[in-house]
Each structure stands twice: as C-alpha cells, then as structure tokens.
Amino acid sequence: MQHHERIDGSGYPHQLRGEEIMMKARIIAVSDLVETMLTDHPYRKACTLDECLEELESNKSILYDAWVVDITLRLIREENYFLKNI
C-alpha cells in the first residue's frame, strides 16, 4: 500500500512522508511510475522515455525519493538499462 505514498506527504492512504515510507515502497513507486508512463492505457497513450525521465527529475525529492530517482536515471541513461516488453 505504501507505494502510493509520496515523499512530501501528498500520497495515500496515510499521507506518510519521507522516511516514514518503507524503502521498498519508495522503489516500487518509481518503478510503477516508469512502467505506467511508458505503457499505453485505454485512457491515455504512453509517453516517451524522455518525458518519463523528465517527470522523475522534476518531482525528485518532492513526490519520489531522491536516491531512488538518481539510481533509476543513472541505470537508464548511463548503463542503458531498460526492460523490454515480453
């Protein structure tokens, strides 16, 4: 449930903030965002990888854990790490 919480306390269901959110949930929140933004849905088309990474950067330390965002950006940009659809 905590993967819907946000670093600034704006998430749900308990409006947890920062370190109150388990690290596992902070990691899942970022991975869920990436997967959701890069996937077509009935209510919206997938965005580009650049748009997704821009969303992460602009909300780093606000909605998403800074360390998790930095690692994610490094893996994708510098290590060319990316999961392909199976």
PDB file of N, CA and C in Angstrom:
ATOM      1  N   MET A   1       0.807  -1.199   0.000  1.00  0.00           N
ATOM      2  CA  MET A   1       0.000   0.000   0.000  1.00  0.00           C
ATOM      3  C   MET A   1       0.853   1.266   0.000  1.00  0.00           C
ATOM      4  N   GLN A   2       2.019   1.213   0.611  1.00  0.00           N
ATOM      5  CA  GLN A   2       2.816   2.425   0.756  1.00  0.00           C
ATOM      6  C   GLN A   2       3.368   2.967  -0.559  1.00  0.00           C
ATOM      7  N   HIS A   3       3.327   2.191  -1.634  1.00  0.00           N
ATOM      8  CA  HIS A   3       3.877   2.719  -2.886  1.00  0.00           C
ATOM      9  C   HIS A   3       3.027   3.859  -3.457  1.00  0.00           C
ATOM     10  N   HIS A   4       1.874   4.112  -2.862  1.00  0.00           N
ATOM     11  CA  HIS A   4       1.055   5.260  -3.257  1.00  0.00           C
ATOM     12  C   HIS A   4       1.333   6.485  -2.395  1.00  0.00           C
ATOM     13  N   GLU A   5       2.164   6.319  -1.373  1.00  0.00           N
ATOM     14  CA  GLU A   5       2.554   7.454  -0.534  1.00  0.00           C
ATOM     15  C   GLU A   5       3.604   8.274  -1.290  1.00  0.00           C
ATOM     16  N   ARG A   6       3.731   9.543  -0.972  1.00  0.00           N
ATOM     17  CA  ARG A   6       4.689  10.420  -1.637  1.00  0.00           C
ATOM     18  C   ARG A   6       5.580  11.089  -0.593  1.00  0.00           C
ATOM     19  N   ILE A   7       6.795  11.385  -0.967  1.00  0.00           N
ATOM     20  CA  ILE A   7       7.796  11.927  -0.060  1.00  0.00           C
ATOM     21  C   ILE A   7       7.286  13.182   0.664  1.00  0.00           C
ATOM     22  N   ASP A   8       6.512  14.001  -0.024  1.00  0.00           N
ATOM     23  CA  ASP A   8       6.015  15.250   0.586  1.00  0.00           C
ATOM     24  C   ASP A   8       4.747  15.059   1.415  1.00  0.00           C
ATOM     25  N   GLY A   9       4.267  13.815   1.537  1.00  0.00           N
ATOM     26  CA  GLY A   9       3.071  13.543   2.319  1.00  0.00           C
ATOM     27  C   GLY A   9       1.773  13.657   1.552  1.00  0.00           C
ATOM     28  N   SER A  10       1.848  13.876   0.243  1.00  0.00           N
ATOM     29  CA  SER A  10       0.635  14.073  -0.559  1.00  0.00           C
ATOM     30  C   SER A  10       0.005  12.769  -1.055  1.00  0.00           C
ATOM     31  N   GLY A  11       0.617  11.631  -0.740  1.00  0.00           N
ATOM     32  CA  GLY A  11       0.082  10.356  -1.225  1.00  0.00           C
ATOM     33  C   GLY A  11      -1.046   9.820  -0.364  1.00  0.00           C
ATOM     34  N   TYR A  12      -1.368   8.567  -0.579  1.00  0.00           N
ATOM     35  CA  TYR A  12      -2.441   7.917   0.177  1.00  0.00           C
ATOM     36  C   TYR A  12      -2.027   6.483   0.473  1.00  0.00           C
ATOM     37  N   PRO A  13      -2.586   5.822   1.423  1.00  0.00           N
ATOM     38  CA  PRO A  13      -3.786   6.159   2.194  1.00  0.00           C
ATOM     39  C   PRO A  13      -3.518   6.904   3.500  1.00  0.00           C
ATOM     40  N   HIS A  14      -2.270   7.004   3.944  1.00  0.00           N
ATOM     41  CA  HIS A  14      -1.996   7.562   5.277  1.00  0.00           C
ATOM     42  C   HIS A  14      -1.185   8.854   5.260  1.00  0.00           C
ATOM     43  N   GLN A  15      -0.937   9.427   4.098  1.00  0.00           N
ATOM     44  CA  GLN A  15      -0.163  10.655   3.948  1.00  0.00           C
ATOM     45  C   GLN A  15       1.188  10.572   4.681  1.00  0.00           C
ATOM     46  N   LEU A  16       1.845   9.416   4.552  1.00  0.00           N
ATOM     47  CA  LEU A  16       3.183   9.261   5.112  1.00  0.00           C
ATOM     48  C   LEU A  16       4.129  10.151   4.337  1.00  0.00           C
ATOM     49  N   ARG A  17       5.241  10.524   4.966  1.00  0.00           N
ATOM     50  CA  ARG A  17       6.224  11.349   4.274  1.00  0.00           C
ATOM     51  C   ARG A  17       7.625  10.849   4.554  1.00  0.00           C
ATOM     52  N   GLY A  18       8.513  11.109   3.598  1.00  0.00           N
ATOM     53  CA  GLY A  18       9.929  10.813   3.742  1.00  0.00           C
ATOM     54  C   GLY A  18      10.241   9.432   4.271  1.00  0.00           C
ATOM     55  N   GLU A  19      11.019   9.386   5.348  1.00  0.00           N
ATOM     56  CA  GLU A  19      11.497   8.139   5.931  1.00  0.00           C
ATOM     57  C   GLU A  19      10.383   7.290   6.539  1.00  0.00           C
ATOM     58  N   GLU A  20       9.193   7.840   6.695  1.00  0.00           N
ATOM     59  CA  GLU A  20       8.067   7.043   7.188  1.00  0.00           C
ATOM     60  C   GLU A  20       7.672   5.977   6.163  1.00  0.00           C
ATOM     61  N   ILE A  21       8.035   6.197   4.917  1.00  0.00           N
ATOM     62  CA  ILE A  21       7.703   5.270   3.829  1.00  0.00           C
ATOM     63  C   ILE A  21       8.833   4.247   3.718  1.00  0.00           C
ATOM     64  N   MET A  22       8.481   2.977   3.714  1.00  0.00           N
ATOM     65  CA  MET A  22       9.496   1.924   3.592  1.00  0.00           C
ATOM     66  C   MET A  22      10.275   2.093   2.294  1.00  0.00           C
ATOM     67  N   MET A  23      11.572   1.796   2.326  1.00  0.00           N
ATOM     68  CA  MET A  23      12.412   1.916   1.134  1.00  0.00           C
ATOM     69  C   MET A  23      11.857   1.066  -0.009  1.00  0.00           C
ATOM     70  N   LYS A  24      11.397  -0.132   0.288  1.00  0.00           N
ATOM     71  CA  LYS A  24      10.823  -0.985  -0.761  1.00  0.00           C
ATOM     72  C   LYS A  24       9.680  -0.266  -1.467  1.00  0.00           C
ATOM     73  N   ALA A  25       8.847   0.420  -0.723  1.00  0.00           N
ATOM     74  CA  ALA A  25       7.713   1.138  -1.309  1.00  0.00           C
ATOM     75  C   ALA A  25       8.183   2.329  -2.138  1.00  0.00           C
ATOM     76  N   ARG A  26       9.258   2.999  -1.701  1.00  0.00           N
ATOM     77  CA  ARG A  26       9.790   4.129  -2.473  1.00  0.00           C
ATOM     78  C   ARG A  26      10.356   3.646  -3.807  1.00  0.00           C
ATOM     79  N   ILE A  27      10.971   2.477  -3.807  1.00  0.00           N
ATOM     80  CA  ILE A  27      11.488   1.893  -5.050  1.00  0.00           C
ATOM     81  C   ILE A  27      10.337   1.491  -5.958  1.00  0.00           C
ATOM     82  N   ILE A  28       9.335   0.839  -5.402  1.00  0.00           N
ATOM     83  CA  ILE A  28       8.181   0.411  -6.199  1.00  0.00           C
ATOM     84  C   ILE A  28       7.443   1.618  -6.771  1.00  0.00           C
ATOM     85  N   ALA A  29       7.353   2.711  -6.023  1.00  0.00           N
ATOM     86  CA  ALA A  29       6.671   3.917  -6.519  1.00  0.00           C
ATOM     87  C   ALA A  29       7.318   4.425  -7.798  1.00  0.00           C
ATOM     88  N   VAL A  30       8.649   4.448  -7.831  1.00  0.00           N
ATOM     89  CA  VAL A  30       9.358   4.926  -9.023  1.00  0.00           C
ATOM     90  C   VAL A  30       9.224   3.930 -10.162  1.00  0.00           C
ATOM     91  N   SER A  31       9.384   2.653  -9.881  1.00  0.00           N
ATOM     92  CA  SER A  31       9.266   1.658 -10.955  1.00  0.00           C
ATOM     93  C   SER A  31       7.844   1.609 -11.503  1.00  0.00           C
ATOM     94  N   ASP A  32       6.853   1.786 -10.636  1.00  0.00           N
ATOM     95  CA  ASP A  32       5.458   1.821 -11.076  1.00  0.00           C
ATOM     96  C   ASP A  32       5.208   3.021 -11.978  1.00  0.00           C
ATOM     97  N   LEU A  33       5.772   4.174 -11.620  1.00  0.00           N
ATOM     98  CA  LEU A  33       5.623   5.360 -12.453  1.00  0.00           C
ATOM     99  C   LEU A  33       6.217   5.131 -13.840  1.00  0.00           C
ATOM    100  N   VAL A  34       7.435   4.600 -13.889  1.00  0.00           N
ATOM    101  CA  VAL A  34       8.099   4.365 -15.171  1.00  0.00           C
ATOM    102  C   VAL A  34       7.270   3.404 -16.024  1.00  0.00           C
ATOM    103  N   GLU A  35       6.860   2.307 -15.445  1.00  0.00           N
ATOM    104  CA  GLU A  35       6.077   1.309 -16.198  1.00  0.00           C
ATOM    105  C   GLU A  35       4.761   1.900 -16.673  1.00  0.00           C
ATOM    106  N   THR A  36       4.083   2.632 -15.818  1.00  0.00           N
ATOM    107  CA  THR A  36       2.785   3.215 -16.171  1.00  0.00           C
ATOM    108  C   THR A  36       2.917   4.258 -17.271  1.00  0.00           C
ATOM    109  N   MET A  37       3.906   5.137 -17.151  1.00  0.00           N
ATOM    110  CA  MET A  37       4.060   6.201 -18.147  1.00  0.00           C
ATOM    111  C   MET A  37       4.476   5.663 -19.519  1.00  0.00           C
ATOM    112  N   LEU A  38       5.194   4.549 -19.544  1.00  0.00           N
ATOM    113  CA  LEU A  38       5.694   4.013 -20.812  1.00  0.00           C
ATOM    114  C   LEU A  38       4.768   2.971 -21.436  1.00  0.00           C
ATOM    115  N   THR A  39       3.587   2.796 -20.866  1.00  0.00           N
ATOM    116  CA  THR A  39       2.636   1.800 -21.350  1.00  0.00           C
ATOM    117  C   THR A  39       1.368   2.488 -21.840  1.00  0.00           C
ATOM    118  N   ASP A  40       0.859   2.048 -22.988  1.00  0.00           N
ATOM    119  CA  ASP A  40      -0.435   2.537 -23.464  1.00  0.00           C
ATOM    120  C   ASP A  40      -1.539   2.051 -22.536  1.00  0.00           C
ATOM    121  N   HIS A  41      -2.505   2.927 -22.292  1.00  0.00           N
ATOM    122  CA  HIS A  41      -3.669   2.606 -21.480  1.00  0.00           C
ATOM    123  C   HIS A  41      -4.908   3.063 -22.243  1.00  0.00           C
ATOM    124  N   PRO A  42      -6.072   2.508 -21.931  1.00  0.00           N
ATOM    125  CA  PRO A  42      -7.290   2.936 -22.629  1.00  0.00           C
ATOM    126  C   PRO A  42      -7.566   4.430 -22.464  1.00  0.00           C
ATOM    127  N   TYR A  43      -7.123   5.005 -21.354  1.00  0.00           N
ATOM    128  CA  TYR A  43      -7.404   6.407 -21.068  1.00  0.00           C
ATOM    129  C   TYR A  43      -6.296   7.361 -21.514  1.00  0.00           C
ATOM    130  N   ARG A  44      -5.117   6.826 -21.918  1.00  0.00           N
ATOM    131  CA  ARG A  44      -4.059   7.681 -22.449  1.00  0.00           C
ATOM    132  C   ARG A  44      -2.966   6.848 -23.089  1.00  0.00           C
ATOM    133  N   LYS A  45      -2.302   7.462 -24.057  1.00  0.00           N
ATOM    134  CA  LYS A  45      -1.191   6.804 -24.757  1.00  0.00           C
ATOM    135  C   LYS A  45       0.070   6.894 -23.908  1.00  0.00           C
ATOM    136  N   ALA A  46       0.978   6.000 -24.172  1.00  0.00           N
ATOM    137  CA  ALA A  46       2.271   6.021 -23.485  1.00  0.00           C
ATOM    138  C   ALA A  46       3.031   7.287 -23.858  1.00  0.00           C
ATOM    139  N   CYS A  47       3.847   7.771 -22.944  1.00  0.00           N
ATOM    140  CA  CYS A  47       4.694   8.915 -23.248  1.00  0.00           C
ATOM    141  C   CYS A  47       6.070   8.405 -23.672  1.00  0.00           C
ATOM    142  N   THR A  48       6.932   9.309 -24.040  1.00  0.00           N
ATOM    143  CA  THR A  48       8.281   8.920 -24.443  1.00  0.00           C
ATOM    144  C   THR A  48       9.144   8.691 -23.204  1.00  0.00           C
ATOM    145  N   LEU A  49      10.257   8.015 -23.391  1.00  0.00           N
ATOM    146  CA  LEU A  49      11.185   7.798 -22.291  1.00  0.00           C
ATOM    147  C   LEU A  49      11.697   9.135 -21.754  1.00  0.00           C
ATOM    148  N   ASP A  50      11.986  10.081 -22.643  1.00  0.00           N
ATOM    149  CA  ASP A  50      12.448  11.403 -22.203  1.00  0.00           C
ATOM    150  C   ASP A  50      11.408  12.104 -21.333  1.00  0.00           C
ATOM    151  N   GLU A  51      10.143  12.028 -21.718  1.00  0.00           N
ATOM    152  CA  GLU A  51       9.077  12.633 -20.907  1.00  0.00           C
ATOM    153  C   GLU A  51       8.983  11.966 -19.538  1.00  0.00           C
ATOM    154  N   CYS A  52       9.134  10.673 -19.518  1.00  0.00           N
ATOM    155  CA  CYS A  52       9.093   9.926 -18.267  1.00  0.00           C
ATOM    156  C   CYS A  52      10.237  10.347 -17.344  1.00  0.00           C
ATOM    157  N   LEU A  53      11.444  10.416 -17.887  1.00  0.00           N
ATOM    158  CA  LEU A  53      12.594  10.793 -17.085  1.00  0.00           C
ATOM    159  C   LEU A  53      12.496  12.245 -16.611  1.00  0.00           C
ATOM    160  N   GLU A  54      11.913  13.099 -17.442  1.00  0.00           N
ATOM    161  CA  GLU A  54      11.686  14.489 -17.046  1.00  0.00           C
ATOM    162  C   GLU A  54      10.718  14.564 -15.862  1.00  0.00           C
ATOM    163  N   GLU A  55       9.686  13.731 -15.885  1.00  0.00           N
ATOM    164  CA  GLU A  55       8.735  13.665 -14.763  1.00  0.00           C
ATOM    165  C   GLU A  55       9.452  13.253 -13.486  1.00  0.00           C
ATOM    166  N   LEU A  56      10.307  12.251 -13.585  1.00  0.00           N
ATOM    167  CA  LEU A  56      11.069  11.812 -12.419  1.00  0.00           C
ATOM    168  C   LEU A  56      11.953  12.935 -11.886  1.00  0.00           C
ATOM    169  N   GLU A  57      12.681  13.582 -12.783  1.00  0.00           N
ATOM    170  CA  GLU A  57      13.591  14.654 -12.361  1.00  0.00           C
ATOM    171  C   GLU A  57      12.853  15.828 -11.734  1.00  0.00           C
ATOM    172  N   SER A  58      11.732  16.212 -12.315  1.00  0.00           N
ATOM    173  CA  SER A  58      11.021  17.384 -11.817  1.00  0.00           C
ATOM    174  C   SER A  58      10.337  17.121 -10.475  1.00  0.00           C
ATOM    175  N   ASN A  59      10.096  15.865 -10.145  1.00  0.00           N
ATOM    176  CA  ASN A  59       9.451  15.542  -8.875  1.00  0.00           C
ATOM    177  C   ASN A  59      10.358  14.816  -7.894  1.00  0.00           C
ATOM    178  N   LYS A  60      11.648  14.813  -8.198  1.00  0.00           N
ATOM    179  CA  LYS A  60      12.647  14.233  -7.299  1.00  0.00           C
ATOM    180  C   LYS A  60      12.649  15.019  -5.985  1.00  0.00           C
ATOM    181  N   SER A  61      12.628  14.315  -4.893  1.00  0.00           N
ATOM    182  CA  SER A  61      12.600  14.891  -3.534  1.00  0.00           C
ATOM    183  C   SER A  61      11.274  15.561  -3.190  1.00  0.00           C
ATOM    184  N   ILE A  62      10.338  15.585  -4.120  1.00  0.00           N
ATOM    185  CA  ILE A  62       9.010  16.139  -3.857  1.00  0.00           C
ATOM    186  C   ILE A  62       8.028  14.974  -3.714  1.00  0.00           C
ATOM    187  N   LEU A  63       7.877  14.221  -4.808  1.00  0.00           N
ATOM    188  CA  LEU A  63       7.000  13.057  -4.787  1.00  0.00           C
ATOM    189  C   LEU A  63       7.779  11.754  -4.621  1.00  0.00           C
ATOM    190  N   TYR A  64       8.975  11.722  -5.191  1.00  0.00           N
ATOM    191  CA  TYR A  64       9.758  10.485  -5.249  1.00  0.00           C
ATOM    192  C   TYR A  64      11.085  10.637  -4.527  1.00  0.00           C
ATOM    193  N   ASP A  65      11.530   9.563  -3.921  1.00  0.00           N
ATOM    194  CA  ASP A  65      12.788   9.539  -3.184  1.00  0.00           C
ATOM    195  C   ASP A  65      13.952   9.924  -4.098  1.00  0.00           C
ATOM    196  N   ALA A  66      14.767  10.881  -3.658  1.00  0.00           N
ATOM    197  CA  ALA A  66      15.872  11.390  -4.475  1.00  0.00           C
ATOM    198  C   ALA A  66      16.877  10.301  -4.819  1.00  0.00           C
ATOM    199  N   TRP A  67      17.238   9.473  -3.865  1.00  0.00           N
ATOM    200  CA  TRP A  67      18.209   8.405  -4.109  1.00  0.00           C
ATOM    201  C   TRP A  67      17.678   7.419  -5.142  1.00  0.00           C
ATOM    202  N   VAL A  68      16.410   7.039  -5.024  1.00  0.00           N
ATOM    203  CA  VAL A  68      15.807   6.083  -5.969  1.00  0.00           C
ATOM    204  C   VAL A  68      15.752   6.698  -7.363  1.00  0.00           C
ATOM    205  N   VAL A  69      15.378   7.955  -7.463  1.00  0.00           N
ATOM    206  CA  VAL A  69      15.331   8.630  -8.760  1.00  0.00           C
ATOM    207  C   VAL A  69      16.730   8.704  -9.367  1.00  0.00           C
ATOM    208  N   ASP A  70      17.717   9.099  -8.577  1.00  0.00           N
ATOM    209  CA  ASP A  70      19.092   9.195  -9.093  1.00  0.00           C
ATOM    210  C   ASP A  70      19.589   7.852  -9.620  1.00  0.00           C
ATOM    211  N   ILE A  71      19.348   6.788  -8.885  1.00  0.00           N
ATOM    212  CA  ILE A  71      19.766   5.445  -9.321  1.00  0.00           C
ATOM    213  C   ILE A  71      19.035   5.051 -10.594  1.00  0.00           C
ATOM    214  N   THR A  72      17.742   5.314 -10.657  1.00  0.00           N
ATOM    215  CA  THR A  72      16.946   4.979 -11.843  1.00  0.00           C
ATOM    216  C   THR A  72      17.462   5.739 -13.064  1.00  0.00           C
ATOM    217  N   LEU A  73      17.689   7.028 -12.912  1.00  0.00           N
ATOM    218  CA  LEU A  73      18.200   7.831 -14.027  1.00  0.00           C
ATOM    219  C   LEU A  73      19.569   7.331 -14.480  1.00  0.00           C
ATOM    220  N   ARG A  74      20.438   7.016 -13.529  1.00  0.00           N
ATOM    221  CA  ARG A  74      21.768   6.514 -13.884  1.00  0.00           C
ATOM    222  C   ARG A  74      21.674   5.180 -14.614  1.00  0.00           C
ATOM    223  N   LEU A  75      20.844   4.282 -14.116  1.00  0.00           N
ATOM    224  CA  LEU A  75      20.703   2.979 -14.772  1.00  0.00           C
ATOM    225  C   LEU A  75      20.218   3.129 -16.210  1.00  0.00           C
ATOM    226  N   ILE A  76      19.251   3.990 -16.418  1.00  0.00           N
ATOM    227  CA  ILE A  76      18.681   4.155 -17.760  1.00  0.00           C
ATOM    228  C   ILE A  76      19.614   4.960 -18.665  1.00  0.00           C
ATOM    229  N   ARG A  77      20.134   6.080 -18.191  1.00  0.00           N
ATOM    230  CA  ARG A  77      20.942   6.963 -19.042  1.00  0.00           C
ATOM    231  C   ARG A  77      22.383   6.497 -19.227  1.00  0.00           C
ATOM    232  N   GLU A  78      23.005   6.040 -18.161  1.00  0.00           N
ATOM    233  CA  GLU A  78      24.425   5.713 -18.243  1.00  0.00           C
ATOM    234  C   GLU A  78      24.695   4.228 -18.466  1.00  0.00           C
ATOM    235  N   GLU A  79      23.845   3.386 -17.924  1.00  0.00           N
ATOM    236  CA  GLU A  79      24.057   1.941 -18.039  1.00  0.00           C
ATOM    237  C   GLU A  79      23.194   1.335 -19.147  1.00  0.00           C
ATOM    238  N   ASN A  80      22.353   2.187 -19.771  1.00  0.00           N
ATOM    239  CA  ASN A  80      21.437   1.724 -20.829  1.00  0.00           C
ATOM    240  C   ASN A  80      20.559   0.570 -20.373  1.00  0.00           C
ATOM    241  N   TYR A  81      20.204   0.598 -19.107  1.00  0.00           N
ATOM    242  CA  TYR A  81      19.348  -0.452 -18.544  1.00  0.00           C
ATOM    243  C   TYR A  81      17.909  -0.141 -18.883  1.00  0.00           C
ATOM    244  N   PHE A  82      17.248  -1.095 -19.479  1.00  0.00           N
ATOM    245  CA  PHE A  82      15.847  -0.902 -19.808  1.00  0.00           C
ATOM    246  C   PHE A  82      15.187  -2.252 -20.010  1.00  0.00           C
ATOM    247  N   LEU A  83      14.012  -2.435 -19.428  1.00  0.00           N
ATOM    248  CA  LEU A  83      13.268  -3.679 -19.611  1.00  0.00           C
ATOM    249  C   LEU A  83      12.410  -3.559 -20.856  1.00  0.00           C
ATOM    250  N   LYS A  84      12.483  -4.550 -21.680  1.00  0.00           N
ATOM    251  CA  LYS A  84      11.665  -4.572 -22.889  1.00  0.00           C
ATOM    252  C   LYS A  84      10.389  -5.359 -22.611  1.00  0.00           C
ATOM    253  N   ASN A  85       9.341  -5.016 -23.326  1.00  0.00           N
ATOM    254  CA  ASN A  85       8.090  -5.768 -23.189  1.00  0.00           C
ATOM    255  C   ASN A  85       8.314  -7.213 -23.625  1.00  0.00           C
ATOM    256  N   ILE A  86       7.764  -8.113 -22.866  1.00  0.00           N
ATOM    257  CA  ILE A  86       7.909  -9.542 -23.193  1.00  0.00           C
ATOM    258  C   ILE A  86       6.712 -10.016 -23.967  1.00  0.00           C
TER     259      ILE A  86
END
